[in-house]
C-alpha atoms as a PDB file:
ATOM      1  CA  MET A   1      16.587  38.903   2.337  1.00  0.00           C
ATOM      2  CA  GLY A   2      17.091  41.703  -0.187  1.00  0.00           C
ATOM      3  CA  SER A   3      14.532  42.878  -2.662  1.00  0.00           C
ATOM      4  CA  THR A   4      15.288  42.965  -6.337  1.00  0.00           C
ATOM      5  CA  ARG A   5      14.463  46.194  -8.044  1.00  0.00           C
ATOM      6  CA  ARG A   6      13.467  46.007 -11.676  1.00  0.00           C
ATOM      7  CA  SER A   7      14.760  48.600 -14.083  1.00  0.00           C
ATOM      8  CA  PHE A   8      13.136  49.660 -17.313  1.00  0.00           C
ATOM      9  CA  THR A   9      14.607  51.220 -20.413  1.00  0.00           C
ATOM     10  CA  GLU A  10      13.531  54.691 -21.488  1.00  0.00           C
ATOM     11  CA  GLU A  11      11.962  53.190 -24.620  1.00  0.00           C
ATOM     12  CA  TYR A  12       9.858  50.845 -22.503  1.00  0.00           C
ATOM     13  CA  LYS A  13       8.714  53.723 -20.287  1.00  0.00           C
ATOM     14  CA  ALA A  14       7.918  55.886 -23.310  1.00  0.00           C
ATOM     15  CA  SER A  15       5.919  53.067 -24.875  1.00  0.00           C
ATOM     16  CA  ALA A  16       3.932  52.521 -21.684  1.00  0.00           C
ATOM     17  CA  VAL A  17       3.298  56.256 -21.296  1.00  0.00           C
ATOM     18  CA  GLY A  18       2.211  56.387 -24.940  1.00  0.00           C
ATOM     19  CA  LEU A  19      -0.449  53.783 -24.267  1.00  0.00           C
ATOM     20  CA  VAL A  20      -1.908  56.069 -21.606  1.00  0.00           C
ATOM     21  CA  LEU A  21      -1.466  59.503 -23.187  1.00  0.00           C
ATOM     22  CA  ASP A  22      -1.816  58.757 -26.880  1.00  0.00           C
ATOM     23  CA  ASP A  23      -4.108  55.740 -26.981  1.00  0.00           C
ATOM     24  CA  GLY A  24      -6.313  56.798 -24.074  1.00  0.00           C
ATOM     25  CA  HIS A  25      -5.937  53.682 -21.937  1.00  0.00           C
ATOM     26  CA  SER A  26      -6.242  54.108 -18.185  1.00  0.00           C
ATOM     27  CA  ILE A  27      -3.156  53.955 -15.997  1.00  0.00           C
ATOM     28  CA  ALA A  28      -4.599  51.064 -13.970  1.00  0.00           C
ATOM     29  CA  GLU A  29      -5.492  49.017 -17.043  1.00  0.00           C
ATOM     30  CA  THR A  30      -2.142  49.614 -18.721  1.00  0.00           C
ATOM     31  CA  ALA A  31      -0.198  48.838 -15.544  1.00  0.00           C
ATOM     32  CA  ARG A  32      -2.013  45.500 -15.163  1.00  0.00           C
ATOM     33  CA  ASN A  33      -1.428  44.624 -18.818  1.00  0.00           C
ATOM     34  CA  ILE A  34       2.301  45.315 -18.808  1.00  0.00           C
ATOM     35  CA  GLY A  35       3.001  43.996 -15.301  1.00  0.00           C
ATOM     36  CA  VAL A  36       4.069  47.258 -13.684  1.00  0.00           C
ATOM     37  CA  HIS A  37       2.780  48.675 -10.427  1.00  0.00           C
ATOM     38  CA  GLU A  38       0.110  51.318 -10.957  1.00  0.00           C
ATOM     39  CA  MET A  39       2.014  53.895  -8.898  1.00  0.00           C
ATOM     40  CA  THR A  40       5.134  53.370 -10.986  1.00  0.00           C
ATOM     41  CA  LEU A  41       3.312  53.933 -14.260  1.00  0.00           C
ATOM     42  CA  GLY A  42       1.501  56.906 -12.738  1.00  0.00           C
ATOM     43  CA  LYS A  43       4.856  58.518 -11.922  1.00  0.00           C
ATOM     44  CA  TRP A  44       6.072  57.938 -15.484  1.00  0.00           C
ATOM     45  CA  VAL A  45       2.923  59.515 -16.915  1.00  0.00           C
ATOM     46  CA  LYS A  46       3.130  62.503 -14.556  1.00  0.00           C
ATOM     47  CA  LYS A  47       6.776  63.050 -15.464  1.00  0.00           C
ATOM     48  CA  ALA A  48       5.933  62.902 -19.187  1.00  0.00           C
ATOM     49  CA  ARG A  49       3.069  65.375 -18.776  1.00  0.00           C
ATOM     50  CA  ASP A  50       5.233  67.768 -16.755  1.00  0.00           C
ATOM     51  CA  SER A  51       8.117  67.622 -19.215  1.00  0.00           C
ATOM     52  CA  SER A  52       5.908  68.134 -22.259  1.00  0.00           C
ATOM     53  CA  GLY A  53       4.517  71.368 -20.867  1.00  0.00           C
ATOM     54  CA  LYS A  54       0.999  70.340 -21.824  1.00  0.00           C
ATOM     55  CA  ARG A  55      -1.724  70.973 -19.329  1.00  0.00           C
ATOM     56  CA  PRO A  56      -4.217  68.170 -19.036  1.00  0.00           C
ATOM     57  CA  GLU A  57      -7.373  69.087 -20.868  1.00  0.00           C
ATOM     58  CA  LYS A  58     -10.439  69.459 -18.772  1.00  0.00           C
ATOM     59  CA  PRO A  59     -13.893  68.957 -20.219  1.00  0.00           C
ATOM     60  CA  LEU A  60     -15.790  71.965 -21.487  1.00  0.00           C
ATOM     61  CA  SER A  61     -18.472  73.464 -19.316  1.00  0.00           C
ATOM     62  CA  GLU A  62     -21.991  73.738 -20.708  1.00  0.00           C
ATOM     63  CA  SER A  63     -21.593  77.449 -21.483  1.00  0.00           C
ATOM     64  CA  GLU A  64     -18.245  76.830 -23.199  1.00  0.00           C
ATOM     65  CA  ARG A  65     -19.789  74.038 -25.258  1.00  0.00           C
ATOM     66  CA  GLU A  66     -22.661  76.313 -26.327  1.00  0.00           C
ATOM     67  CA  GLU A  67     -20.210  79.064 -27.263  1.00  0.00           C
ATOM     68  CA  LEU A  68     -18.125  76.601 -29.285  1.00  0.00           C
ATOM     69  CA  ILE A  69     -21.204  75.488 -31.216  1.00  0.00           C
ATOM     70  CA  ARG A  70     -22.209  79.119 -31.821  1.00  0.00           C
ATOM     71  CA  LEU A  71     -18.723  80.069 -33.008  1.00  0.00           C
ATOM     72  CA  ARG A  72     -18.539  77.088 -35.345  1.00  0.00           C
ATOM     73  CA  GLU A  73     -21.831  78.163 -36.913  1.00  0.00           C
ATOM     74  CA  GLU A  74     -20.507  81.725 -37.307  1.00  0.00           C
ATOM     75  CA  VAL A  75     -17.366  80.457 -39.022  1.00  0.00           C
ATOM     76  CA  LYS A  76     -19.432  78.268 -41.337  1.00  0.00           C
ATOM     77  CA  HIS A  77     -21.637  81.245 -42.229  1.00  0.00           C
ATOM     78  CA  ALA A  78     -18.621  83.526 -42.782  1.00  0.00           C
ATOM     79  CA  ARG A  79     -17.040  80.940 -45.095  1.00  0.00           C
ATOM     80  CA  MET A  80     -20.236  80.695 -47.131  1.00  0.00           C
ATOM     81  CA  GLU A  81     -20.360  84.496 -47.440  1.00  0.00           C
ATOM     82  CA  ALA A  82     -16.725  84.582 -48.551  1.00  0.00           C
ATOM     83  CA  GLU A  83     -17.362  81.921 -51.192  1.00  0.00           C
ATOM     84  CA  PHE A  84     -20.391  83.829 -52.425  1.00  0.00           C
ATOM     85  CA  ALA A  85     -18.368  87.063 -52.587  1.00  0.00           C
ATOM     86  CA  LYS A  86     -15.695  85.284 -54.659  1.00  0.00           C
ATOM     87  CA  LYS A  87     -18.300  83.999 -57.091  1.00  0.00           C
ATOM     88  CA  VAL A  88     -19.901  87.432 -57.429  1.00  0.00           C
ATOM     89  CA  ALA A  89     -16.510  89.053 -57.961  1.00  0.00           C
ATOM     90  CA  SER A  90     -15.558  86.561 -60.661  1.00  0.00           C
ATOM     91  CA  TRP A  91     -18.948  87.016 -62.312  1.00  0.00           C
ATOM     92  CA  PHE A  92     -18.486  90.824 -62.405  1.00  0.00           C
ATOM     93  CA  ALA A  93     -14.920  90.375 -63.672  1.00  0.00           C
ATOM     94  CA  LYS A  94     -16.186  88.254 -66.586  1.00  0.00           C
ATOM     95  CA  ASP A  95     -18.903  90.840 -67.340  1.00  0.00           C
ATOM     96  CA  GLN A  96     -16.311  93.627 -67.615  1.00  0.00           C
ATOM     97  CA  ARG A  97     -14.442  91.948 -70.460  1.00  0.00           C
END
């Protein structure tokens, strides 16, 4: 008794991988929904990640999160100062005329 091996088109694989990588669905959930073994889909996703050159993002640590918040505040403050400087410069330019 021989086993039948299913084959999938590249478009089908890309669509399934897109559900995991782009839409954020889990591999297990997606595999169940499309009728593919979880290991098979996992291999497709791993291959896509490796070929794209993207490293999987890991969550920020607490210190990194605090630094990100601090830096965002600094950028916001710097932008406000730049806007103020532009307004002052235009005001002085009008006064000179």
